[in-house]
Amino acid sequence: MTDQERIAKLEEENALLRRKVESLEQWAMKIGPILNRLQDVAKDQNSPYANLFSGLRNLNGRKS
């Protein structure tokens, strides 16, 4: 495989990964508000799930 072929393959993989990241970011924007509401409900009801929802929200807010 030539250098140009390797570069082309890496560029294709990079484009695929970029699309996957964009898709995950869009998912995070949709699910984030839902998790926030669930966390608020769990806190209001003193639910043992409040910590779980808090952890999920923190994961949702992470950026690389």
N, C-alpha and C. Protein backbone atom coordinates (compact mmCIF):
# COMPACT_ATOMS: atom_id res chain seq x y z
N MET A 1 0.86 -1.18 0.00
CA MET A 1 0.00 0.00 0.00
C MET A 1 0.91 1.24 0.00
N THR A 2 0.61 2.15 -0.89
CA THR A 2 1.42 3.37 -0.98
C THR A 2 1.03 4.35 0.12
N ASP A 3 1.88 5.33 0.31
CA ASP A 3 1.59 6.36 1.31
C ASP A 3 0.28 7.08 0.98
N GLN A 4 0.06 7.35 -0.29
CA GLN A 4 -1.17 8.05 -0.67
C GLN A 4 -2.40 7.19 -0.38
N GLU A 5 -2.29 5.90 -0.59
CA GLU A 5 -3.41 5.00 -0.28
C GLU A 5 -3.67 4.96 1.23
N ARG A 6 -2.60 4.93 2.00
CA ARG A 6 -2.76 4.95 3.47
C ARG A 6 -3.39 6.25 3.92
N ILE A 7 -2.94 7.35 3.34
CA ILE A 7 -3.51 8.66 3.70
C ILE A 7 -4.99 8.70 3.34
N ALA A 8 -5.34 8.21 2.17
CA ALA A 8 -6.75 8.20 1.75
C ALA A 8 -7.59 7.35 2.70
N LYS A 9 -7.05 6.20 3.09
CA LYS A 9 -7.79 5.33 4.02
C LYS A 9 -7.96 6.02 5.37
N LEU A 10 -6.92 6.66 5.86
CA LEU A 10 -7.01 7.37 7.14
C LEU A 10 -7.99 8.54 7.06
N GLU A 11 -8.02 9.22 5.93
CA GLU A 11 -8.98 10.32 5.75
C GLU A 11 -10.41 9.79 5.76
N GLU A 12 -10.64 8.65 5.15
CA GLU A 12 -11.97 8.03 5.16
C GLU A 12 -12.37 7.65 6.59
N GLU A 13 -11.44 7.04 7.31
CA GLU A 13 -11.72 6.66 8.70
C GLU A 13 -11.99 7.90 9.56
N ASN A 14 -11.22 8.95 9.32
CA ASN A 14 -11.41 10.20 10.06
C ASN A 14 -12.79 10.79 9.79
N ALA A 15 -13.21 10.77 8.53
CA ALA A 15 -14.53 11.29 8.18
C ALA A 15 -15.63 10.47 8.85
N LEU A 16 -15.46 9.16 8.87
CA LEU A 16 -16.45 8.29 9.52
C LEU A 16 -16.52 8.59 11.02
N LEU A 17 -15.37 8.72 11.65
CA LEU A 17 -15.34 9.03 13.09
C LEU A 17 -15.94 10.40 13.36
N ARG A 18 -15.69 11.35 12.50
CA ARG A 18 -16.25 12.70 12.67
C ARG A 18 -17.78 12.64 12.61
N ARG A 19 -18.32 11.85 11.67
CA ARG A 19 -19.78 11.71 11.58
C ARG A 19 -20.34 11.04 12.83
N LYS A 20 -19.63 10.05 13.35
CA LYS A 20 -20.09 9.37 14.57
C LYS A 20 -20.09 10.34 15.75
N VAL A 21 -19.06 11.16 15.86
CA VAL A 21 -18.99 12.14 16.94
C VAL A 21 -20.14 13.14 16.82
N GLU A 22 -20.39 13.62 15.61
CA GLU A 22 -21.49 14.56 15.40
C GLU A 22 -22.82 13.92 15.79
N SER A 23 -23.00 12.67 15.44
CA SER A 23 -24.23 11.96 15.79
C SER A 23 -24.37 11.84 17.31
N LEU A 24 -23.29 11.50 17.98
CA LEU A 24 -23.33 11.40 19.45
C LEU A 24 -23.59 12.75 20.09
N GLU A 25 -23.03 13.81 19.54
CA GLU A 25 -23.27 15.15 20.09
C GLU A 25 -24.74 15.54 19.93
N GLN A 26 -25.33 15.20 18.79
CA GLN A 26 -26.75 15.48 18.58
C GLN A 26 -27.60 14.68 19.56
N TRP A 27 -27.24 13.43 19.78
CA TRP A 27 -27.95 12.60 20.74
C TRP A 27 -27.85 13.21 22.14
N ALA A 28 -26.66 13.66 22.50
CA ALA A 28 -26.46 14.25 23.82
C ALA A 28 -27.31 15.50 24.01
N MET A 29 -27.45 16.30 22.94
CA MET A 29 -28.28 17.50 23.04
C MET A 29 -29.75 17.14 23.23
N LYS A 30 -30.18 16.03 22.66
CA LYS A 30 -31.57 15.59 22.82
C LYS A 30 -31.81 14.98 24.20
N ILE A 31 -30.88 14.15 24.65
CA ILE A 31 -31.09 13.40 25.88
C ILE A 31 -30.77 14.24 27.12
N GLY A 32 -29.92 15.24 26.98
CA GLY A 32 -29.52 16.07 28.12
C GLY A 32 -30.70 16.67 28.87
N PRO A 33 -31.60 17.38 28.19
CA PRO A 33 -32.74 17.96 28.89
C PRO A 33 -33.64 16.91 29.54
N ILE A 34 -33.77 15.75 28.90
CA ILE A 34 -34.57 14.68 29.48
C ILE A 34 -33.94 14.20 30.78
N LEU A 35 -32.62 14.01 30.76
CA LEU A 35 -31.94 13.58 31.98
C LEU A 35 -32.05 14.62 33.08
N ASN A 36 -31.99 15.89 32.70
CA ASN A 36 -32.14 16.95 33.70
C ASN A 36 -33.50 16.87 34.36
N ARG A 37 -34.54 16.67 33.57
CA ARG A 37 -35.89 16.56 34.14
C ARG A 37 -36.02 15.33 35.03
N LEU A 38 -35.47 14.21 34.59
CA LEU A 38 -35.52 13.00 35.40
C LEU A 38 -34.79 13.19 36.73
N GLN A 39 -33.67 13.88 36.66
CA GLN A 39 -32.92 14.13 37.89
C GLN A 39 -33.74 15.00 38.85
N ASP A 40 -34.37 16.02 38.32
CA ASP A 40 -35.20 16.89 39.16
C ASP A 40 -36.34 16.10 39.81
N VAL A 41 -36.98 15.23 39.04
CA VAL A 41 -38.07 14.41 39.58
C VAL A 41 -37.52 13.49 40.67
N ALA A 42 -36.39 12.87 40.40
CA ALA A 42 -35.81 11.95 41.38
C ALA A 42 -35.45 12.68 42.67
N LYS A 43 -34.92 13.88 42.55
CA LYS A 43 -34.56 14.65 43.74
C LYS A 43 -35.82 15.04 44.52
N ASP A 44 -36.84 15.46 43.79
CA ASP A 44 -38.08 15.87 44.44
C ASP A 44 -38.70 14.72 45.23
N GLN A 45 -38.54 13.52 44.74
CA GLN A 45 -39.15 12.35 45.39
C GLN A 45 -38.17 11.64 46.32
N ASN A 46 -36.99 12.25 46.54
CA ASN A 46 -35.95 11.62 47.37
C ASN A 46 -35.66 10.20 46.93
N SER A 47 -35.61 10.03 45.64
CA SER A 47 -35.41 8.71 45.05
C SER A 47 -33.94 8.29 45.14
N PRO A 48 -33.68 6.99 45.30
CA PRO A 48 -32.29 6.52 45.27
C PRO A 48 -31.67 6.65 43.88
N TYR A 49 -32.49 6.97 42.89
CA TYR A 49 -31.98 7.12 41.53
C TYR A 49 -31.41 8.50 41.26
N ALA A 50 -31.53 9.42 42.19
CA ALA A 50 -31.04 10.78 41.97
C ALA A 50 -29.56 10.79 41.63
N ASN A 51 -28.77 9.98 42.33
CA ASN A 51 -27.33 9.94 42.05
C ASN A 51 -27.05 9.36 40.67
N LEU A 52 -27.82 8.37 40.26
CA LEU A 52 -27.65 7.79 38.93
C LEU A 52 -27.90 8.85 37.86
N PHE A 53 -29.00 9.58 37.99
CA PHE A 53 -29.31 10.60 37.00
C PHE A 53 -28.26 11.70 37.00
N SER A 54 -27.74 12.04 38.16
CA SER A 54 -26.69 13.05 38.26
C SER A 54 -25.45 12.59 37.50
N GLY A 55 -25.08 11.33 37.69
CA GLY A 55 -23.92 10.79 36.99
C GLY A 55 -24.12 10.76 35.49
N LEU A 56 -25.31 10.40 35.05
CA LEU A 56 -25.59 10.39 33.61
C LEU A 56 -25.53 11.79 33.03
N ARG A 57 -26.04 12.77 33.78
CA ARG A 57 -26.00 14.14 33.29
C ARG A 57 -24.56 14.62 33.19
N ASN A 58 -23.73 14.24 34.15
CA ASN A 58 -22.32 14.63 34.10
C ASN A 58 -21.64 14.01 32.89
N LEU A 59 -21.94 12.77 32.59
CA LEU A 59 -21.37 12.13 31.40
C LEU A 59 -21.83 12.83 30.14
N ASN A 60 -23.09 13.22 30.12
CA ASN A 60 -23.66 13.88 28.96
C ASN A 60 -22.97 15.22 28.70
N GLY A 61 -22.54 15.89 29.75
CA GLY A 61 -21.94 17.21 29.60
C GLY A 61 -20.47 17.21 29.27
N ARG A 62 -19.84 16.03 29.24
CA ARG A 62 -18.40 15.95 28.96
C ARG A 62 -18.12 16.28 27.51
N LYS A 63 -17.03 17.02 27.32
CA LYS A 63 -16.53 17.29 25.97
C LYS A 63 -15.08 16.86 25.91
N SER A 64 -14.68 16.28 24.81
CA SER A 64 -13.29 15.84 24.66
C SER A 64 -12.44 16.96 24.11
